[in-house]
């Protein structure tokens, strides 16, 4: 006669198999689907960009400085730029004269050090070998080739009058630069660029969601105005001057 304990175990196993069979019939219950399905929706950034701001800036020390990931580096850059700006602004010296005098002093010190070391049988100044390898030169040339070719192609299209919209954009940028250049001289402009580069990206990286909300609204309004201007103004200019249409 079978024991009651054996019958209980077999009944539990049968019930477990029945429950597992029923669970397989439900949609989306397979392990592969549950793993492949993302738990959170992918965040859609402005202009459909997929990379973060840190990756766009290169992800190196420059990005750490601009976004204040390395506070000591970013603070050092701002303090150094501020000190250099006030020295150049109030001392009466120019940047070229200061660089020339610093190089003059450095070369004089190295010359005296090297000759004194040879006379006293001491080691010369620990200067590294200053050269650019073929690999570095080739990598730099390959990295610069595409943007330079794109800029030259755009300049050719502008000179031949093939892209009227690009012509208007370039003219607007140059006109804006001429106005800004009239407000500040070159040294002040460079200092302002350094300060702005270390403030606006960091603020944007901190308050990205709120800023992108307003930027998307402004971008939508600007797109609507641009479409109206394109339909009313640019289309008439293109019909009057067919040569201004961008060639395929």
C-alpha atoms as a PDB file:
ATOM      1  CA  UNK A   1       0.000   0.000   0.000  1.00  0.00           C
ATOM      2  CA  UNK A   2       1.527   3.388  -1.000  1.00  0.00           C
ATOM      3  CA  UNK A   3       2.308   5.730   1.823  1.00  0.00           C
ATOM      4  CA  UNK A   4       0.370   8.980   2.274  1.00  0.00           C
ATOM      5  CA  UNK A   5       3.640  10.943   2.263  1.00  0.00           C
ATOM      6  CA  UNK A   6       4.529   9.756  -1.265  1.00  0.00           C
ATOM      7  CA  UNK A   7       1.078  10.628  -2.582  1.00  0.00           C
ATOM      8  CA  UNK A   8       1.314  14.133  -1.099  1.00  0.00           C
ATOM      9  CA  UNK A   9       4.682  14.774  -2.774  1.00  0.00           C
ATOM     10  CA  UNK A  10       3.428  13.565  -6.154  1.00  0.00           C
ATOM     11  CA  UNK A  11       0.333  15.762  -5.840  1.00  0.00           C
ATOM     12  CA  UNK A  12       2.400  18.849  -5.093  1.00  0.00           C
ATOM     13  CA  UNK A  13       4.675  18.150  -8.075  1.00  0.00           C
ATOM     14  CA  UNK A  14       1.651  17.683 -10.365  1.00  0.00           C
ATOM     15  CA  UNK A  15       0.153  20.979  -9.147  1.00  0.00           C
ATOM     16  CA  UNK A  16       3.454  22.814  -9.702  1.00  0.00           C
ATOM     17  CA  UNK A  17       3.736  21.482 -13.255  1.00  0.00           C
ATOM     18  CA  UNK A  18       0.170  22.570 -14.027  1.00  0.00           C
ATOM     19  CA  UNK A  19       0.790  26.114 -12.724  1.00  0.00           C
ATOM     20  CA  UNK A  20       4.032  26.406 -14.728  1.00  0.00           C
ATOM     21  CA  UNK A  21       2.239  25.256 -17.885  1.00  0.00           C
ATOM     22  CA  UNK A  22      -0.454  27.889 -17.413  1.00  0.00           C
ATOM     23  CA  UNK A  23       2.122  30.639 -16.859  1.00  0.00           C
ATOM     24  CA  UNK A  24       3.806  29.828 -20.182  1.00  0.00           C
ATOM     25  CA  UNK A  25       0.546  30.590 -21.989  1.00  0.00           C
ATOM     26  CA  UNK A  26       0.452  34.220 -20.809  1.00  0.00           C
ATOM     27  CA  UNK A  27       1.884  36.793 -23.280  1.00  0.00           C
ATOM     28  CA  UNK A  28       5.219  38.339 -22.468  1.00  0.00           C
ATOM     29  CA  UNK A  29       6.075  35.703 -19.862  1.00  0.00           C
ATOM     30  CA  UNK A  30       9.157  34.329 -21.593  1.00  0.00           C
ATOM     31  CA  UNK A  31      12.479  35.214 -19.955  1.00  0.00           C
ATOM     32  CA  UNK A  32      14.009  36.563 -23.191  1.00  0.00           C
ATOM     33  CA  UNK A  33      11.228  39.101 -23.700  1.00  0.00           C
ATOM     34  CA  UNK A  34      11.395  40.323 -20.133  1.00  0.00           C
ATOM     35  CA  UNK A  35      15.160  40.797 -20.393  1.00  0.00           C
ATOM     36  CA  UNK A  36      15.142  42.472 -23.812  1.00  0.00           C
ATOM     37  CA  UNK A  37      12.386  44.926 -22.910  1.00  0.00           C
ATOM     38  CA  UNK A  38      13.872  48.127 -21.468  1.00  0.00           C
ATOM     39  CA  UNK A  39      12.714  48.996 -17.991  1.00  0.00           C
ATOM     40  CA  UNK A  40      12.785  52.768 -18.639  1.00  0.00           C
ATOM     41  CA  UNK A  41      12.012  54.683 -21.858  1.00  0.00           C
ATOM     42  CA  UNK A  42      14.990  56.241 -23.625  1.00  0.00           C
ATOM     43  CA  UNK A  43      15.222  59.942 -22.911  1.00  0.00           C
ATOM     44  CA  UNK A  44      14.815  62.086 -26.012  1.00  0.00           C
ATOM     45  CA  UNK A  45      17.165  65.044 -25.943  1.00  0.00           C
ATOM     46  CA  UNK A  46      17.082  68.303 -27.872  1.00  0.00           C
ATOM     47  CA  UNK A  47      17.813  68.036 -31.614  1.00  0.00           C
ATOM     48  CA  UNK A  48      17.566  64.219 -31.264  1.00  0.00           C
ATOM     49  CA  UNK A  49      21.104  63.972 -29.921  1.00  0.00           C
ATOM     50  CA  UNK A  50      22.055  60.642 -28.404  1.00  0.00           C
ATOM     51  CA  UNK A  51      25.292  61.568 -26.653  1.00  0.00           C
ATOM     52  CA  UNK A  52      25.608  63.440 -23.392  1.00  0.00           C
ATOM     53  CA  UNK A  53      27.178  66.872 -23.150  1.00  0.00           C
ATOM     54  CA  UNK A  54      30.314  65.378 -21.613  1.00  0.00           C
ATOM     55  CA  UNK A  55      30.720  63.038 -24.608  1.00  0.00           C
ATOM     56  CA  UNK A  56      30.137  65.877 -27.102  1.00  0.00           C
ATOM     57  CA  UNK A  57      32.991  67.847 -25.511  1.00  0.00           C
ATOM     58  CA  UNK A  58      35.326  64.869 -25.980  1.00  0.00           C
ATOM     59  CA  UNK A  59      35.026  63.221 -22.576  1.00  0.00           C
ATOM     60  CA  UNK A  60      38.571  64.202 -21.539  1.00  0.00           C
ATOM     61  CA  UNK A  61      40.093  66.805 -19.266  1.00  0.00           C
ATOM     62  CA  UNK A  62      38.670  69.651 -21.347  1.00  0.00           C
ATOM     63  CA  UNK A  63      35.144  68.291 -20.850  1.00  0.00           C
ATOM     64  CA  UNK A  64      35.801  67.827 -17.122  1.00  0.00           C
ATOM     65  CA  UNK A  65      36.922  71.445 -16.912  1.00  0.00           C
ATOM     66  CA  UNK A  66      34.036  72.928 -18.924  1.00  0.00           C
ATOM     67  CA  UNK A  67      31.400  70.964 -16.972  1.00  0.00           C
ATOM     68  CA  UNK A  68      33.169  71.380 -13.604  1.00  0.00           C
ATOM     69  CA  UNK A  69      33.610  67.635 -13.159  1.00  0.00           C
ATOM     70  CA  UNK A  70      37.169  68.495 -12.092  1.00  0.00           C
ATOM     71  CA  UNK A  71      36.671  71.550  -9.887  1.00  0.00           C
ATOM     72  CA  UNK A  72      40.368  72.148  -9.298  1.00  0.00           C
ATOM     73  CA  UNK A  73      41.128  72.189 -13.038  1.00  0.00           C
ATOM     74  CA  UNK A  74      38.146  74.412 -13.885  1.00  0.00           C
ATOM     75  CA  UNK A  75      38.912  76.812 -11.038  1.00  0.00           C
ATOM     76  CA  UNK A  76      42.576  76.944 -12.033  1.00  0.00           C
ATOM     77  CA  UNK A  77      41.711  77.789 -15.625  1.00  0.00           C
ATOM     78  CA  UNK A  78      39.338  80.585 -14.575  1.00  0.00           C
ATOM     79  CA  UNK A  79      41.749  82.011 -11.985  1.00  0.00           C
ATOM     80  CA  UNK A  80      44.668  81.857 -14.429  1.00  0.00           C
ATOM     81  CA  UNK A  81      42.655  83.497 -17.198  1.00  0.00           C
ATOM     82  CA  UNK A  82      41.449  86.214 -14.816  1.00  0.00           C
ATOM     83  CA  UNK A  83      44.949  86.979 -13.525  1.00  0.00           C
ATOM     84  CA  UNK A  84      46.375  87.038 -17.054  1.00  0.00           C
ATOM     85  CA  UNK A  85      43.568  89.291 -18.251  1.00  0.00           C
ATOM     86  CA  UNK A  86      44.066  91.866 -15.493  1.00  0.00           C
ATOM     87  CA  UNK A  87      47.858  91.762 -15.895  1.00  0.00           C
ATOM     88  CA  UNK A  88      47.580  92.398 -19.632  1.00  0.00           C
ATOM     89  CA  UNK A  89      44.830  94.956 -19.206  1.00  0.00           C
ATOM     90  CA  UNK A  90      46.415  97.122 -16.501  1.00  0.00           C
ATOM     91  CA  UNK A  91      50.160  96.592 -16.923  1.00  0.00           C
ATOM     92  CA  UNK A  92      50.427  98.099 -20.388  1.00  0.00           C
ATOM     93  CA  UNK A  93      52.087  94.981 -21.800  1.00  0.00           C
ATOM     94  CA  UNK A  94      50.717  92.968 -24.683  1.00  0.00           C
ATOM     95  CA  UNK A  95      50.430  89.207 -24.828  1.00  0.00           C
ATOM     96  CA  UNK A  96      53.177  88.968 -27.443  1.00  0.00           C
ATOM     97  CA  UNK A  97      55.598  91.045 -25.364  1.00  0.00           C
ATOM     98  CA  UNK A  98      54.985  88.951 -22.217  1.00  0.00           C
ATOM     99  CA  UNK A  99      55.427  85.656 -24.094  1.00  0.00           C
ATOM    100  CA  UNK A 100      58.625  86.974 -25.722  1.00  0.00           C
ATOM    101  CA  UNK A 101      60.100  88.039 -22.372  1.00  0.00           C
ATOM    102  CA  UNK A 102      59.186  84.744 -20.698  1.00  0.00           C
ATOM    103  CA  UNK A 103      60.813  82.796 -23.517  1.00  0.00           C
ATOM    104  CA  UNK A 104      63.846  85.070 -23.336  1.00  0.00           C
ATOM    105  CA  UNK A 105      64.285  84.403 -19.607  1.00  0.00           C
ATOM    106  CA  UNK A 106      63.683  80.646 -20.027  1.00  0.00           C
ATOM    107  CA  UNK A 107      66.239  80.335 -22.837  1.00  0.00           C
ATOM    108  CA  UNK A 108      68.811  82.363 -20.887  1.00  0.00           C
ATOM    109  CA  UNK A 109      68.376  80.180 -17.789  1.00  0.00           C
ATOM    110  CA  UNK A 110      68.635  76.953 -19.801  1.00  0.00           C
ATOM    111  CA  UNK A 111      71.702  78.199 -21.686  1.00  0.00           C
ATOM    112  CA  UNK A 112      73.533  79.162 -18.489  1.00  0.00           C
ATOM    113  CA  UNK A 113      72.449  75.939 -16.754  1.00  0.00           C
ATOM    114  CA  UNK A 114      73.639  73.676 -19.560  1.00  0.00           C
ATOM    115  CA  UNK A 115      77.038  75.395 -19.875  1.00  0.00           C
ATOM    116  CA  UNK A 116      77.562  75.482 -16.107  1.00  0.00           C
ATOM    117  CA  UNK A 117      76.645  71.799 -15.852  1.00  0.00           C
ATOM    118  CA  UNK A 118      79.177  70.908 -18.544  1.00  0.00           C
ATOM    119  CA  UNK A 119      81.875  72.973 -16.816  1.00  0.00           C
ATOM    120  CA  UNK A 120      81.146  71.450 -13.371  1.00  0.00           C
ATOM    121  CA  UNK A 121      80.629  67.895 -14.684  1.00  0.00           C
ATOM    122  CA  UNK A 122      76.982  67.893 -13.629  1.00  0.00           C
ATOM    123  CA  UNK A 123      73.918  66.590 -15.451  1.00  0.00           C
ATOM    124  CA  UNK A 124      72.367  68.930 -18.047  1.00  0.00           C
ATOM    125  CA  UNK A 125      68.798  70.296 -17.739  1.00  0.00           C
ATOM    126  CA  UNK A 126      66.222  67.458 -17.902  1.00  0.00           C
ATOM    127  CA  UNK A 127      64.619  68.424 -21.192  1.00  0.00           C
ATOM    128  CA  UNK A 128      62.441  65.862 -23.002  1.00  0.00           C
ATOM    129  CA  UNK A 129      62.788  65.111 -26.688  1.00  0.00           C
ATOM    130  CA  UNK A 130      60.498  67.559 -28.462  1.00  0.00           C
ATOM    131  CA  UNK A 131      59.198  66.076 -31.696  1.00  0.00           C
ATOM    132  CA  UNK A 132      55.981  65.041 -33.425  1.00  0.00           C
ATOM    133  CA  UNK A 133      55.832  61.414 -34.472  1.00  0.00           C
ATOM    134  CA  UNK A 134      54.506  60.268 -37.837  1.00  0.00           C
ATOM    135  CA  UNK A 135      51.579  58.550 -36.122  1.00  0.00           C
ATOM    136  CA  UNK A 136      50.475  61.704 -34.324  1.00  0.00           C
ATOM    137  CA  UNK A 137      50.855  63.800 -37.482  1.00  0.00           C
ATOM    138  CA  UNK A 138      48.859  61.293 -39.542  1.00  0.00           C
ATOM    139  CA  UNK A 139      46.101  61.071 -36.918  1.00  0.00           C
ATOM    140  CA  UNK A 140      45.865  64.857 -36.730  1.00  0.00           C
ATOM    141  CA  UNK A 141      45.750  65.181 -40.509  1.00  0.00           C
ATOM    142  CA  UNK A 142      43.009  62.527 -40.786  1.00  0.00           C
ATOM    143  CA  UNK A 143      40.981  64.196 -38.038  1.00  0.00           C
ATOM    144  CA  UNK A 144      41.214  67.635 -39.670  1.00  0.00           C
ATOM    145  CA  UNK A 145      40.732  66.526 -43.266  1.00  0.00           C
ATOM    146  CA  UNK A 146      36.954  66.038 -43.190  1.00  0.00           C
ATOM    147  CA  UNK A 147      35.987  69.330 -41.463  1.00  0.00           C
ATOM    148  CA  UNK A 148      38.422  71.288 -43.641  1.00  0.00           C
ATOM    149  CA  UNK A 149      37.025  69.692 -46.816  1.00  0.00           C
ATOM    150  CA  UNK A 150      33.470  70.426 -45.668  1.00  0.00           C
ATOM    151  CA  UNK A 151      34.372  74.050 -44.987  1.00  0.00           C
ATOM    152  CA  UNK A 152      36.056  74.387 -48.389  1.00  0.00           C
ATOM    153  CA  UNK A 153      33.052  72.812 -50.137  1.00  0.00           C
ATOM    154  CA  UNK A 154      30.688  75.196 -48.342  1.00  0.00           C
ATOM    155  CA  UNK A 155      32.908  78.153 -49.252  1.00  0.00           C
ATOM    156  CA  UNK A 156      32.871  77.056 -52.899  1.00  0.00           C
ATOM    157  CA  UNK A 157      29.068  76.794 -52.894  1.00  0.00           C
ATOM    158  CA  UNK A 158      28.863  80.263 -51.378  1.00  0.00           C
ATOM    159  CA  UNK A 159      31.261  81.726 -53.928  1.00  0.00           C
ATOM    160  CA  UNK A 160      29.318  80.159 -56.822  1.00  0.00           C
ATOM    161  CA  UNK A 161      25.950  81.201 -55.399  1.00  0.00           C
ATOM    162  CA  UNK A 162      24.568  77.665 -55.133  1.00  0.00           C
ATOM    163  CA  UNK A 163      23.120  77.838 -51.604  1.00  0.00           C
ATOM    164  CA  UNK A 164      21.212  81.020 -50.855  1.00  0.00           C
ATOM    165  CA  UNK A 165      20.076  79.946 -47.372  1.00  0.00           C
ATOM    166  CA  UNK A 166      23.638  79.136 -46.323  1.00  0.00           C
ATOM    167  CA  UNK A 167      24.699  82.508 -47.737  1.00  0.00           C
ATOM    168  CA  UNK A 168      22.171  84.284 -45.513  1.00  0.00           C
ATOM    169  CA  UNK A 169      23.282  82.292 -42.460  1.00  0.00           C
ATOM    170  CA  UNK A 170      26.959  83.093 -43.010  1.00  0.00           C
ATOM    171  CA  UNK A 171      26.177  86.753 -43.613  1.00  0.00           C
ATOM    172  CA  UNK A 172      24.149  86.867 -40.390  1.00  0.00           C
ATOM    173  CA  UNK A 173      26.966  85.276 -38.367  1.00  0.00           C
ATOM    174  CA  UNK A 174      29.592  87.624 -39.801  1.00  0.00           C
ATOM    175  CA  UNK A 175      27.349  90.613 -39.183  1.00  0.00           C
ATOM    176  CA  UNK A 176      26.825  89.516 -35.568  1.00  0.00           C
ATOM    177  CA  UNK A 177      30.570  89.014 -35.068  1.00  0.00           C
ATOM    178  CA  UNK A 178      31.273  92.484 -36.453  1.00  0.00           C
ATOM    179  CA  UNK A 179      28.843  93.999 -33.939  1.00  0.00           C
ATOM    180  CA  UNK A 180      30.244  92.034 -30.999  1.00  0.00           C
ATOM    181  CA  UNK A 181      33.785  92.844 -32.114  1.00  0.00           C
ATOM    182  CA  UNK A 182      32.921  96.530 -31.965  1.00  0.00           C
ATOM    183  CA  UNK A 183      31.897  96.236 -28.323  1.00  0.00           C
ATOM    184  CA  UNK A 184      35.073  94.536 -27.037  1.00  0.00           C
ATOM    185  CA  UNK A 185      38.672  94.313 -28.105  1.00  0.00           C
ATOM    186  CA  UNK A 186      40.278  90.948 -28.778  1.00  0.00           C
ATOM    187  CA  UNK A 187      41.683  90.289 -25.294  1.00  0.00           C
ATOM    188  CA  UNK A 188      38.370  91.016 -23.564  1.00  0.00           C
ATOM    189  CA  UNK A 189      36.527  88.872 -26.097  1.00  0.00           C
ATOM    190  CA  UNK A 190      38.847  85.900 -25.471  1.00  0.00           C
ATOM    191  CA  UNK A 191      38.419  86.259 -21.706  1.00  0.00           C
ATOM    192  CA  UNK A 192      34.623  86.420 -22.042  1.00  0.00           C
ATOM    193  CA  UNK A 193      34.671  83.292 -24.208  1.00  0.00           C
ATOM    194  CA  UNK A 194      36.630  81.426 -21.501  1.00  0.00           C
ATOM    195  CA  UNK A 195      34.233  82.576 -18.771  1.00  0.00           C
ATOM    196  CA  UNK A 196      31.120  81.744 -20.804  1.00  0.00           C
ATOM    197  CA  UNK A 197      32.553  78.334 -21.764  1.00  0.00           C
ATOM    198  CA  UNK A 198      32.990  77.517 -18.055  1.00  0.00           C
ATOM    199  CA  UNK A 199      29.526  78.716 -16.981  1.00  0.00           C
ATOM    200  CA  UNK A 200      26.827  78.040 -19.591  1.00  0.00           C
ATOM    201  CA  UNK A 201      27.689  74.343 -20.283  1.00  0.00           C
ATOM    202  CA  UNK A 202      27.885  73.622 -16.540  1.00  0.00           C
ATOM    203  CA  UNK A 203      24.518  75.296 -15.881  1.00  0.00           C
ATOM    204  CA  UNK A 204      22.973  73.466 -18.829  1.00  0.00           C
ATOM    205  CA  UNK A 205      24.355  70.126 -17.637  1.00  0.00           C
ATOM    206  CA  UNK A 206      22.888  70.718 -14.151  1.00  0.00           C
ATOM    207  CA  UNK A 207      19.427  71.955 -15.245  1.00  0.00           C
ATOM    208  CA  UNK A 208      19.198  70.088 -18.548  1.00  0.00           C
ATOM    209  CA  UNK A 209      15.533  69.061 -18.293  1.00  0.00           C
ATOM    210  CA  UNK A 210      14.203  72.515 -17.453  1.00  0.00           C
ATOM    211  CA  UNK A 211      16.370  74.301 -20.037  1.00  0.00           C
ATOM    212  CA  UNK A 212      15.534  71.858 -22.827  1.00  0.00           C
ATOM    213  CA  UNK A 213      11.822  72.346 -22.172  1.00  0.00           C
ATOM    214  CA  UNK A 214      12.091  76.076 -22.873  1.00  0.00           C
ATOM    215  CA  UNK A 215      14.540  75.542 -25.733  1.00  0.00           C
ATOM    216  CA  UNK A 216      12.161  73.124 -27.459  1.00  0.00           C
ATOM    217  CA  UNK A 217       9.342  75.627 -27.180  1.00  0.00           C
ATOM    218  CA  UNK A 218      11.537  78.395 -28.585  1.00  0.00           C
ATOM    219  CA  UNK A 219      12.834  76.108 -31.336  1.00  0.00           C
ATOM    220  CA  UNK A 220       9.268  75.268 -32.382  1.00  0.00           C
ATOM    221  CA  UNK A 221       8.338  78.961 -32.561  1.00  0.00           C
ATOM    222  CA  UNK A 222      11.500  79.750 -34.545  1.00  0.00           C
ATOM    223  CA  UNK A 223      10.763  76.906 -36.970  1.00  0.00           C
ATOM    224  CA  UNK A 224       7.256  78.231 -37.568  1.00  0.00           C
ATOM    225  CA  UNK A 225       8.567  81.737 -38.285  1.00  0.00           C
ATOM    226  CA  UNK A 226      11.245  80.323 -40.576  1.00  0.00           C
ATOM    227  CA  UNK A 227       8.660  78.337 -42.545  1.00  0.00           C
ATOM    228  CA  UNK A 228       6.534  81.441 -42.989  1.00  0.00           C
ATOM    229  CA  UNK A 229       9.560  83.447 -44.151  1.00  0.00           C
ATOM    230  CA  UNK A 230      10.559  80.614 -46.484  1.00  0.00           C
ATOM    231  CA  UNK A 231       7.096  80.493 -48.042  1.00  0.00           C
ATOM    232  CA  UNK A 232       6.677  84.249 -48.398  1.00  0.00           C
ATOM    233  CA  UNK A 233      10.192  85.562 -49.070  1.00  0.00           C
ATOM    234  CA  UNK A 234      12.702  82.857 -49.974  1.00  0.00           C
ATOM    235  CA  UNK A 235      10.389  81.088 -52.414  1.00  0.00           C
ATOM    236  CA  UNK A 236       9.847  84.332 -54.352  1.00  0.00           C
ATOM    237  CA  UNK A 237      13.609  84.978 -54.458  1.00  0.00           C
ATOM    238  CA  UNK A 238      14.208  81.434 -55.710  1.00  0.00           C
ATOM    239  CA  UNK A 239      11.599  81.865 -58.433  1.00  0.00           C
ATOM    240  CA  UNK A 240      13.167  85.167 -59.528  1.00  0.00           C
ATOM    241  CA  UNK A 241      16.722  83.794 -59.451  1.00  0.00           C
ATOM    242  CA  UNK A 242      16.706  80.055 -60.232  1.00  0.00           C
ATOM    243  CA  UNK A 243      20.496  79.951 -60.037  1.00  0.00           C
ATOM    244  CA  UNK A 244      20.317  80.505 -56.273  1.00  0.00           C
ATOM    245  CA  UNK A 245      18.655  77.115 -55.743  1.00  0.00           C
ATOM    246  CA  UNK A 246      20.918  74.551 -54.185  1.00  0.00           C
ATOM    247  CA  UNK A 247      22.030  71.961 -56.677  1.00  0.00           C
ATOM    248  CA  UNK A 248      21.552  68.258 -55.867  1.00  0.00           C
END
